Amino acid sequence: MKKITLFIFIILIILTTQSLFCQLIERPSNFNEENAGTAENPYLISNLNNLAWLSGTWSIYLDCHFLQTANIDATETITWYNGLGFLGIGYYRVSDYENDYAPFTGYYDGNHYSINNLYQSGNFGYRFGLFYGSYGATIKNVRLENINLQVSGDWMFGGLVAVARNTIIENCSVSGIITTTEAPVSNYSGGGLVGRASDTIIDNSVSYVNITQLSQINRVGGLVGYMNNSTLKNSFFYGNLIFDSEMHNKNSAGLVSDINDSIIENCYITSPTKLVNVSAIFGNITNSTVINCFYDVESTDLTKLYNSVIHPNNIANNFGLTTGEMKRTTIYEGYGWDFETVWAINPNFNNCYPFLRSLNPEIEHVAEKDNVIKPINQTWVYPNPVLGNEVNIKSTSRNNSLEVTIYNIRGQLVNRSNEFFTKDGESVFTWNKRDMNNNEVTSGVYFYKIVDPNDKNSVHHGRFLILK
């Protein structure tokens, strides 16, 4: 009954808005040129009516190329289609709205121009985002600014793409708000950038989205809701996740909620406000790799790297850092981040957090001396792996005021101490493998961070393995 009712609703909406659609669409200026839509002469999207043309007639122009040539103000979409807003690209066909839809299969280059104030509401099409769906597509250089998605019904949402399959997404950014208001089917998902990614590569992309969750779903990610056989790299989330109760955010996370057979590397999260009861990097993981990712423990107030793990996985070099550390280059560079061509830091941009050069080519990288953490002299753990009752952490700095912080593989604080002593001209800390509640820790991988309290610009990280 529910499907029949929704089907009738969609039919009525389309019939009553058909004339409106005809008024909205405008063909690209080069539409009638002989080779229009090819890689050599892509269809030019220069205004909102061109974008409406693309969304409403997409299935007719499969595998074509599109190039945005100007900033587009989409403010008036709040009045479109009886308040439903913008009809996403790659829409459901009315003949069978559940299974038969026309995903975007072409090449869209936003050309670093912006689309501002895009609005969507209601449950028309079951999906929300600039692109409802994509398959075998390339979407690059898109800037979505101040989106407003009012999500309801049985949905998937992504500020850029709701469902991406076999898609390349690169150099894209999204900012704005997403609010969910009705309880969806439990296996649906949402993200600030992409709701669900399968066989997809996401690179050099950002979500500045604030997601407010007022419905019962536990697959929400600041960047991506669900990943399967996909890659996410060189990207970050700098937004907020707000939930009306803890039950609704069981597996939600700053980067990705659920990961399966996928790779995440060189990403970070931070937030202008504290994030409550969510994981920092991911919620659940199965047979995947997550390496060299960081989160701001001070701004987010998060202590948990992830919610649950189904082995085997490769989870390594993922840390919670202080706000000051998040704004320094050397920690990232120590784990292979590229600050020559990919990343940059400028104290007057992005609140001094790392930003992506490809998205902000006009912003210069600043590498001042006071913007660089000085590494403490050589440090190491012995024995490693640890088989006995003690862990010894040694530093050649000869400074007994050093502070050591130990984290487990989930990014949770295990212990903190400044009880170094001098032995053979070196500073040594001996840990009895007990947490701050005096409970003996389990076997596994642990991380340490050593800081000189008298010089916050001196820091060193490392890891070790405890075996029983």
Protein backbone atom coordinates (compact mmCIF):
# COMPACT_ATOMS: atom_id res chain seq x y z
CA MET A 1 0.00 0.00 0.00
CA LYS A 2 2.82 2.36 0.86
CA LYS A 3 4.47 1.87 -2.56
CA ILE A 4 1.17 2.38 -4.39
CA THR A 5 0.47 5.57 -2.46
CA LEU A 6 3.92 6.94 -3.17
CA PHE A 7 3.66 5.93 -6.81
CA ILE A 8 0.39 7.86 -7.17
CA PHE A 9 1.93 10.81 -5.36
CA ILE A 10 4.86 10.90 -7.79
CA ILE A 11 2.51 10.68 -10.80
CA LEU A 12 0.48 13.63 -9.50
CA ILE A 13 3.57 15.69 -8.84
CA ILE A 14 4.89 15.10 -12.33
CA LEU A 15 1.58 15.86 -14.03
CA THR A 16 1.03 19.07 -12.08
CA THR A 17 4.58 20.30 -12.57
CA GLN A 18 5.16 19.33 -16.19
CA SER A 19 4.45 22.82 -17.45
CA LEU A 20 6.67 24.27 -14.73
CA PHE A 21 9.51 22.02 -15.84
CA CYS A 22 9.17 23.22 -19.43
CA GLN A 23 9.48 26.79 -18.19
CA LEU A 24 12.55 25.98 -16.08
CA ILE A 25 14.72 24.19 -18.60
CA GLU A 26 17.10 25.92 -20.96
CA ARG A 27 19.33 24.07 -23.38
CA PRO A 28 23.06 24.85 -23.29
CA SER A 29 24.18 27.61 -25.62
CA ASN A 30 26.14 25.11 -27.74
CA PHE A 31 23.38 22.50 -27.83
CA ASN A 32 22.93 22.60 -31.61
CA GLU A 33 26.61 22.43 -32.48
CA GLU A 34 27.56 19.30 -34.39
CA ASN A 35 29.89 17.78 -31.78
CA ALA A 36 28.16 19.17 -28.68
CA GLY A 37 28.34 16.90 -25.66
CA THR A 38 31.69 15.39 -26.56
CA ALA A 39 34.95 15.67 -24.64
CA GLU A 40 36.14 18.24 -27.22
CA ASN A 41 32.96 20.33 -26.97
CA PRO A 42 31.08 19.53 -23.73
CA TYR A 43 27.61 20.89 -23.11
CA LEU A 44 28.04 24.23 -21.35
CA ILE A 45 26.17 24.57 -18.04
CA SER A 46 26.20 28.29 -17.27
CA ASN A 47 22.99 28.94 -15.31
CA LEU A 48 20.33 27.31 -13.15
CA ASN A 49 18.00 26.58 -16.07
CA ASN A 50 20.83 24.71 -17.82
CA LEU A 51 21.20 22.65 -14.65
CA ALA A 52 17.44 21.99 -14.63
CA TRP A 53 17.68 20.87 -18.24
CA LEU A 54 20.40 18.41 -17.30
CA SER A 55 18.47 17.01 -14.34
CA GLY A 56 15.17 16.68 -16.16
CA THR A 57 16.41 15.26 -19.46
CA TRP A 58 19.44 13.34 -18.31
CA SER A 59 18.45 9.88 -19.52
CA ILE A 60 18.29 11.21 -23.10
CA TYR A 61 21.93 12.31 -23.04
CA LEU A 62 23.78 9.25 -21.78
CA ASP A 63 27.58 9.28 -21.69
CA CYS A 64 27.85 12.97 -22.57
CA HIS A 65 30.30 15.56 -21.26
CA PHE A 66 29.21 18.66 -19.34
CA LEU A 67 31.26 21.70 -18.32
CA GLN A 68 30.09 24.34 -15.85
CA THR A 69 31.15 27.81 -16.98
CA ALA A 70 29.86 30.14 -14.25
CA ASN A 71 28.75 30.28 -10.64
CA ILE A 72 25.11 29.21 -10.33
CA ASP A 73 22.70 30.66 -7.77
CA ALA A 74 20.08 27.99 -6.99
CA THR A 75 18.17 29.95 -4.35
CA GLU A 76 14.88 29.77 -6.25
CA THR A 77 14.87 25.95 -6.14
CA ILE A 78 13.11 26.23 -2.76
CA THR A 79 9.96 27.10 -4.73
CA TRP A 80 10.26 24.41 -7.40
CA TYR A 81 7.88 21.47 -7.76
CA ASN A 82 5.50 22.50 -5.00
CA GLY A 83 8.34 22.90 -2.53
CA LEU A 84 10.18 19.65 -3.34
CA GLY A 85 13.06 21.66 -4.76
CA PHE A 86 15.69 20.59 -7.25
CA LEU A 87 15.16 17.32 -9.13
CA GLY A 88 18.50 15.53 -8.74
CA ILE A 89 20.52 14.41 -11.74
CA GLY A 90 20.12 10.66 -12.32
CA TYR A 91 16.45 10.47 -11.32
CA TYR A 92 14.00 7.61 -10.79
CA ARG A 93 11.74 6.78 -13.70
CA VAL A 94 8.10 6.82 -12.74
CA SER A 95 7.45 3.50 -14.46
CA ASP A 96 9.21 1.65 -11.64
CA TYR A 97 10.56 4.10 -9.10
CA GLU A 98 12.13 1.42 -6.90
CA ASN A 99 14.33 -0.41 -9.38
CA ASP A 100 14.38 1.41 -12.69
CA TYR A 101 16.20 4.71 -12.70
CA ALA A 102 18.64 6.50 -14.96
CA PRO A 103 21.89 7.12 -13.08
CA PHE A 104 24.29 9.75 -14.35
CA THR A 105 26.81 7.97 -16.57
CA GLY A 106 28.64 10.89 -18.10
CA TYR A 107 31.37 13.35 -17.25
CA TYR A 108 30.58 16.51 -15.26
CA ASP A 109 33.31 19.07 -14.67
CA GLY A 110 32.27 21.85 -12.30
CA ASN A 111 35.36 23.75 -13.40
CA HIS A 112 35.75 25.03 -9.80
CA TYR A 113 32.64 27.19 -10.16
CA SER A 114 30.05 27.03 -7.38
CA ILE A 115 26.43 25.96 -7.14
CA ASN A 116 24.91 27.95 -4.29
CA ASN A 117 21.81 27.46 -2.10
CA LEU A 118 20.52 24.24 -3.68
CA TYR A 119 17.33 23.06 -1.95
CA GLN A 120 15.60 19.65 -1.80
CA SER A 121 12.76 18.44 0.40
CA GLY A 122 10.18 15.66 0.73
CA ASN A 123 10.59 12.05 -0.37
CA PHE A 124 10.37 12.36 -4.16
CA GLY A 125 12.67 9.76 -5.67
CA TYR A 126 13.90 8.22 -2.43
CA ARG A 127 17.26 9.98 -2.85
CA PHE A 128 18.71 13.36 -2.06
CA GLY A 129 21.71 15.18 -3.52
CA LEU A 130 22.84 17.10 -6.59
CA PHE A 131 23.15 13.68 -8.24
CA TYR A 132 20.59 11.08 -7.19
CA GLY A 133 22.74 8.33 -8.66
CA SER A 134 25.84 7.81 -10.81
CA TYR A 135 27.28 4.82 -12.63
CA GLY A 136 30.51 4.68 -14.63
CA ALA A 137 30.67 8.45 -14.26
CA THR A 138 33.30 11.08 -13.51
CA ILE A 139 32.32 14.03 -11.30
CA LYS A 140 35.05 16.55 -10.63
CA ASN A 141 35.73 20.13 -9.56
CA VAL A 142 32.21 20.65 -8.16
CA ARG A 143 31.63 23.22 -5.39
CA LEU A 144 28.29 22.93 -3.63
CA GLU A 145 27.86 25.80 -1.20
CA ASN A 146 25.13 26.22 1.41
CA ILE A 147 23.00 23.25 0.37
CA ASN A 148 19.76 22.65 2.26
CA LEU A 149 18.49 19.05 2.12
CA GLN A 150 15.35 18.35 4.15
CA VAL A 151 15.32 14.56 4.00
CA SER A 152 12.27 12.42 4.77
CA GLY A 153 10.96 9.02 3.76
CA ASP A 154 12.93 5.86 2.98
CA TRP A 155 16.05 7.52 1.70
CA MET A 156 19.71 7.71 0.90
CA PHE A 157 21.37 11.10 0.87
CA GLY A 158 24.67 12.64 -0.11
CA GLY A 159 25.26 16.34 -0.61
CA LEU A 160 26.98 15.59 -3.93
CA VAL A 161 25.80 12.06 -4.81
CA ALA A 162 23.24 9.89 -3.05
CA VAL A 163 24.45 6.60 -4.59
CA ALA A 164 27.72 6.40 -6.53
CA ARG A 165 28.64 3.19 -8.38
CA ASN A 166 31.81 2.72 -10.41
CA THR A 167 32.34 6.47 -10.22
CA ILE A 168 35.35 8.77 -9.96
CA ILE A 169 34.80 11.75 -7.65
CA GLU A 170 37.63 14.22 -7.29
CA ASN A 171 38.25 17.80 -6.25
CA CYS A 172 34.71 18.27 -4.92
CA SER A 173 33.45 20.13 -1.84
CA VAL A 174 30.07 20.48 -0.13
CA SER A 175 28.92 22.87 2.60
CA GLY A 176 25.50 23.49 4.14
CA ILE A 177 22.93 21.56 6.16
CA ILE A 178 21.21 18.20 5.89
CA THR A 179 18.29 17.37 8.19
CA THR A 180 16.49 14.00 8.34
CA THR A 181 12.98 13.95 9.77
CA GLU A 182 11.32 10.56 9.27
CA ALA A 183 12.38 7.05 10.20
CA PRO A 184 13.89 5.38 7.11
CA VAL A 185 14.55 1.74 6.31
CA SER A 186 17.40 0.56 8.54
CA ASN A 187 19.86 -0.29 5.76
CA TYR A 188 19.79 3.13 4.14
CA SER A 189 22.69 5.53 4.62
CA GLY A 190 23.80 9.10 4.23
CA GLY A 191 26.90 11.27 4.10
CA GLY A 192 27.88 14.88 3.72
CA LEU A 193 29.48 14.13 0.36
CA VAL A 194 28.24 10.67 -0.74
CA GLY A 195 25.53 8.46 0.74
CA ARG A 196 26.65 5.12 -0.63
CA ALA A 197 29.80 4.40 -2.66
CA SER A 198 30.43 1.12 -4.47
CA ASP A 199 33.44 0.49 -6.74
CA THR A 200 34.11 4.20 -6.46
CA ILE A 201 37.18 6.40 -5.97
CA ILE A 202 36.82 9.59 -3.91
CA ASP A 203 39.90 11.80 -3.89
CA ASN A 204 40.75 15.36 -2.83
CA SER A 205 37.26 16.12 -1.54
CA VAL A 206 35.75 17.90 1.46
CA SER A 207 32.53 17.98 3.48
CA TYR A 208 31.75 21.08 5.53
CA VAL A 209 28.20 19.84 6.09
CA ASN A 210 26.21 19.97 9.34
CA ILE A 211 24.02 16.83 9.53
CA THR A 212 21.11 16.79 11.99
CA GLN A 213 19.72 13.30 12.49
CA LEU A 214 16.13 13.16 13.75
CA SER A 215 15.33 9.66 12.56
CA GLN A 216 16.34 6.12 13.37
CA ILE A 217 19.28 5.25 11.20
CA ASN A 218 22.83 4.38 12.15
CA ARG A 219 24.76 4.76 8.88
CA VAL A 220 25.73 8.41 8.76
CA GLY A 221 29.21 9.63 7.90
CA GLY A 222 30.56 13.14 7.72
CA LEU A 223 31.98 12.29 4.28
CA VAL A 224 30.42 8.96 3.24
CA GLY A 225 27.66 6.82 4.71
CA TYR A 226 28.69 3.42 3.33
CA MET A 227 31.66 2.25 1.26
CA ASN A 228 32.02 -1.06 -0.57
CA ASN A 229 35.05 -1.93 -2.68
CA SER A 230 35.90 1.76 -2.82
CA THR A 231 38.73 4.16 -2.01
CA LEU A 232 38.66 7.41 -0.04
CA LYS A 233 41.88 9.40 0.17
CA ASN A 234 43.24 12.90 0.70
CA SER A 235 39.92 14.19 2.01
CA PHE A 236 38.48 15.64 5.22
CA PHE A 237 35.33 16.42 7.19
CA TYR A 238 35.03 19.79 8.93
CA GLY A 239 31.40 19.90 9.99
CA ASN A 240 28.99 18.71 12.65
CA LEU A 241 26.91 15.61 13.42
CA ILE A 242 23.89 16.20 15.65
CA PHE A 243 21.61 13.39 16.86
CA ASP A 244 18.42 13.48 18.92
CA SER A 245 19.35 10.30 20.81
CA GLU A 246 22.26 7.91 21.17
CA MET A 247 20.33 5.05 19.55
CA HIS A 248 20.27 6.89 16.24
CA ASN A 249 24.03 7.20 15.85
CA LYS A 250 25.22 3.75 16.86
CA ASN A 251 27.64 3.36 13.96
CA SER A 252 27.95 6.93 12.72
CA ALA A 253 31.39 8.46 12.31
CA GLY A 254 33.26 11.55 11.25
CA LEU A 255 34.55 10.05 8.00
CA VAL A 256 32.61 6.91 7.03
CA SER A 257 29.97 4.90 8.88
CA ASP A 258 30.42 1.43 7.34
CA ILE A 259 33.43 0.18 5.37
CA ASN A 260 33.62 -3.10 3.45
CA ASP A 261 36.52 -4.22 1.24
CA SER A 262 37.67 -0.61 0.96
CA ILE A 263 40.63 1.70 1.58
CA ILE A 264 40.80 4.98 3.50
CA GLU A 265 44.07 6.85 3.71
CA ASN A 266 45.42 10.32 4.47
CA CYS A 267 42.18 11.82 5.76
CA TYR A 268 41.23 13.83 8.85
CA ILE A 269 38.24 15.17 10.73
CA THR A 270 37.64 18.18 12.92
CA SER A 271 34.58 20.13 13.98
CA PRO A 272 33.66 23.60 15.24
CA THR A 273 31.70 21.88 18.06
CA LYS A 274 32.00 18.70 20.08
CA LEU A 275 30.67 15.49 18.51
CA VAL A 276 28.69 13.30 20.89
CA ASN A 277 28.61 9.48 20.91
CA VAL A 278 30.06 8.97 17.44
CA SER A 279 33.29 7.38 16.29
CA ALA A 280 36.06 9.51 14.89
CA ILE A 281 37.16 7.73 11.71
CA PHE A 282 34.63 4.96 10.99
CA GLY A 283 31.81 2.99 12.58
CA ASN A 284 32.14 -0.59 11.32
CA ILE A 285 34.85 -2.14 9.20
CA THR A 286 35.21 -5.45 7.36
CA ASN A 287 38.23 -6.61 5.35
CA SER A 288 39.46 -3.06 4.76
CA THR A 289 42.47 -0.76 5.18
CA VAL A 290 42.46 2.49 7.16
CA ILE A 291 45.85 4.16 7.48
CA ASN A 292 47.36 7.55 8.31
CA CYS A 293 44.13 9.27 9.39
CA PHE A 294 43.83 11.82 12.20
CA TYR A 295 41.17 13.59 14.24
CA ASP A 296 41.18 16.61 16.54
CA VAL A 297 40.61 15.27 20.07
CA GLU A 298 40.13 18.77 21.50
CA SER A 299 37.63 20.26 19.06
CA THR A 300 35.60 17.06 18.58
CA ASP A 301 35.99 15.69 22.14
CA LEU A 302 36.09 12.20 20.61
CA THR A 303 37.97 9.32 22.24
CA LYS A 304 36.87 6.39 20.07
CA LEU A 305 38.50 5.71 16.71
CA TYR A 306 35.80 3.24 15.60
CA ASN A 307 32.80 1.27 16.85
CA SER A 308 33.38 -2.33 15.76
CA VAL A 309 35.71 -4.43 13.63
CA ILE A 310 35.27 -7.66 11.69
CA HIS A 311 38.71 -9.00 10.82
CA PRO A 312 40.92 -9.18 8.87
CA ASN A 313 41.79 -5.50 8.45
CA ASN A 314 44.79 -3.23 8.18
CA ILE A 315 44.28 -0.41 10.67
CA ALA A 316 47.47 1.54 11.28
CA ASN A 317 48.80 4.99 12.14
CA ASN A 318 45.45 6.57 13.00
CA PHE A 319 45.69 9.09 15.85
CA GLY A 320 43.82 11.63 17.86
CA LEU A 321 45.85 14.87 17.91
CA THR A 322 45.54 18.12 19.80
CA THR A 323 44.31 21.17 17.92
CA GLY A 324 47.83 22.55 17.84
CA GLU A 325 49.23 19.34 16.40
CA MET A 326 46.49 19.20 13.75
CA LYS A 327 47.77 22.52 12.42
CA ARG A 328 51.39 21.44 11.96
CA THR A 329 52.86 19.88 8.86
CA THR A 330 55.56 17.59 10.20
CA ILE A 331 53.26 15.05 11.88
CA TYR A 332 51.40 14.51 8.61
CA GLU A 333 54.59 14.39 6.58
CA GLY A 334 55.94 11.76 8.96
CA TYR A 335 53.14 9.47 7.78
CA GLY A 336 53.56 10.12 4.08
CA TRP A 337 51.16 13.02 3.49
CA ASP A 338 52.17 15.08 0.46
CA PHE A 339 52.57 18.75 1.40
CA GLU A 340 54.34 19.54 -1.86
CA THR A 341 51.50 18.98 -4.33
CA VAL A 342 48.37 17.79 -2.44
CA TRP A 343 48.08 19.44 0.97
CA ALA A 344 48.96 22.87 2.35
CA ILE A 345 48.57 24.94 5.52
CA ASN A 346 47.99 28.68 5.80
CA PRO A 347 47.30 30.33 9.19
CA ASN A 348 44.75 32.64 7.54
CA PHE A 349 42.74 29.93 5.79
CA ASN A 350 40.62 26.95 6.91
CA ASN A 351 41.34 27.93 10.51
CA CYS A 352 44.93 26.77 9.95
CA TYR A 353 43.90 23.14 9.40
CA PRO A 354 45.34 21.43 6.29
CA PHE A 355 43.53 22.24 3.07
CA LEU A 356 43.67 20.79 -0.43
CA ARG A 357 45.68 22.70 -3.00
CA SER A 358 43.50 21.51 -5.89
CA LEU A 359 40.40 23.05 -4.31
CA ASN A 360 42.08 26.30 -3.31
CA PRO A 361 44.84 26.99 -5.84
CA GLU A 362 44.84 30.70 -4.97
CA ILE A 363 45.86 30.05 -1.33
CA GLU A 364 49.59 29.82 -0.67
CA HIS A 365 51.20 27.25 1.59
CA VAL A 366 52.95 28.83 4.60
CA ALA A 367 55.81 26.92 6.15
CA GLU A 368 57.04 29.27 8.88
CA LYS A 369 59.37 28.01 11.56
CA ASP A 370 56.79 28.49 14.29
CA ASN A 371 54.32 26.48 12.24
CA VAL A 372 56.43 23.34 12.41
CA ILE A 373 56.64 20.83 15.25
CA LYS A 374 60.20 19.99 16.22
CA PRO A 375 60.62 16.26 16.66
CA ILE A 376 62.04 15.01 19.91
CA ASN A 377 65.29 13.19 19.38
CA GLN A 378 65.10 9.51 18.56
CA THR A 379 62.57 7.46 20.53
CA TRP A 380 61.77 3.79 20.53
CA VAL A 381 60.03 1.02 22.45
CA TYR A 382 61.84 -2.07 23.70
CA PRO A 383 61.26 -4.90 23.54
CA ASN A 384 58.92 -4.63 20.57
CA PRO A 385 56.81 -6.78 20.35
CA VAL A 386 56.32 -6.65 24.12
CA LEU A 387 56.25 -10.12 25.67
CA GLY A 388 56.98 -9.41 29.33
CA ASN A 389 55.28 -7.44 32.08
CA GLU A 390 56.70 -4.02 31.17
CA VAL A 391 56.93 -1.65 28.24
CA ASN A 392 59.99 0.58 28.07
CA ILE A 393 59.85 3.79 26.03
CA LYS A 394 63.21 5.48 25.59
CA SER A 395 64.12 8.94 24.31
CA THR A 396 67.57 10.37 23.65
CA SER A 397 66.37 13.86 24.61
CA ARG A 398 67.67 13.51 28.20
CA ASN A 399 64.65 15.43 29.45
CA ASN A 400 62.74 13.94 32.36
CA SER A 401 59.86 16.42 32.06
CA LEU A 402 58.58 14.61 28.96
CA GLU A 403 54.93 13.51 28.93
CA VAL A 404 53.86 10.26 27.29
CA THR A 405 50.30 9.47 26.17
CA ILE A 406 49.30 5.94 25.16
CA TYR A 407 46.32 5.09 22.93
CA ASN A 408 44.85 1.78 21.84
CA ILE A 409 44.15 0.94 18.20
CA ARG A 410 40.65 2.43 18.53
CA GLY A 411 42.19 5.80 19.33
CA GLN A 412 41.04 5.67 22.97
CA LEU A 413 43.20 7.12 25.72
CA VAL A 414 44.78 4.29 27.74
CA ASN A 415 47.26 6.07 29.99
CA ARG A 416 49.18 9.32 30.41
CA SER A 417 52.27 9.94 32.50
CA ASN A 418 55.36 12.12 32.92
CA GLU A 419 57.26 9.63 35.09
CA PHE A 420 60.42 9.54 33.02
CA PHE A 421 63.77 8.87 34.67
CA THR A 422 67.34 9.16 33.47
CA LYS A 423 69.23 5.99 32.72
CA ASP A 424 72.54 5.85 30.88
CA GLY A 425 72.11 9.48 29.81
CA GLU A 426 68.70 8.90 28.25
CA SER A 427 65.09 9.47 29.34
CA VAL A 428 63.17 6.26 29.96
CA PHE A 429 59.51 5.59 30.81
CA THR A 430 58.50 2.16 32.08
CA TRP A 431 54.84 1.20 31.75
CA ASN A 432 53.28 -1.73 33.58
CA LYS A 433 50.70 -2.32 30.82
CA ARG A 434 47.83 -1.03 32.97
CA ASP A 435 45.32 1.65 32.04
CA MET A 436 44.33 4.70 34.07
CA ASN A 437 41.92 2.52 36.10
CA ASN A 438 44.74 0.07 36.88
CA ASN A 439 43.26 -2.61 34.60
CA GLU A 440 45.74 -4.68 32.62
CA VAL A 441 45.46 -4.01 28.90
CA THR A 442 44.87 -6.71 26.32
CA SER A 443 47.24 -7.75 23.57
CA GLY A 444 47.24 -5.71 20.39
CA VAL A 445 48.71 -2.62 18.72
CA TYR A 446 49.21 0.53 20.81
CA PHE A 447 50.41 4.03 19.95
CA TYR A 448 52.38 6.50 22.00
CA LYS A 449 52.91 10.24 21.78
CA ILE A 450 55.71 12.02 23.63
CA VAL A 451 55.53 15.77 24.22
CA ASP A 452 57.82 18.16 26.08
CA PRO A 453 55.45 20.23 28.33
CA ASN A 454 58.00 23.05 28.25
CA ASP A 455 58.06 23.08 24.47
CA LYS A 456 54.71 22.15 22.85
CA ASN A 457 56.40 22.26 19.46
CA SER A 458 58.37 19.11 20.33
CA VAL A 459 56.48 15.87 19.75
CA HIS A 460 57.07 12.29 18.62
CA HIS A 461 54.77 9.39 17.74
CA GLY A 462 55.33 5.67 17.58
CA ARG A 463 53.62 2.32 17.94
CA PHE A 464 54.27 -1.05 19.50
CA LEU A 465 52.72 -4.49 19.78
CA ILE A 466 51.79 -6.27 23.01
CA LEU A 467 51.61 -10.05 22.91
CA LYS A 468 50.35 -12.31 25.68
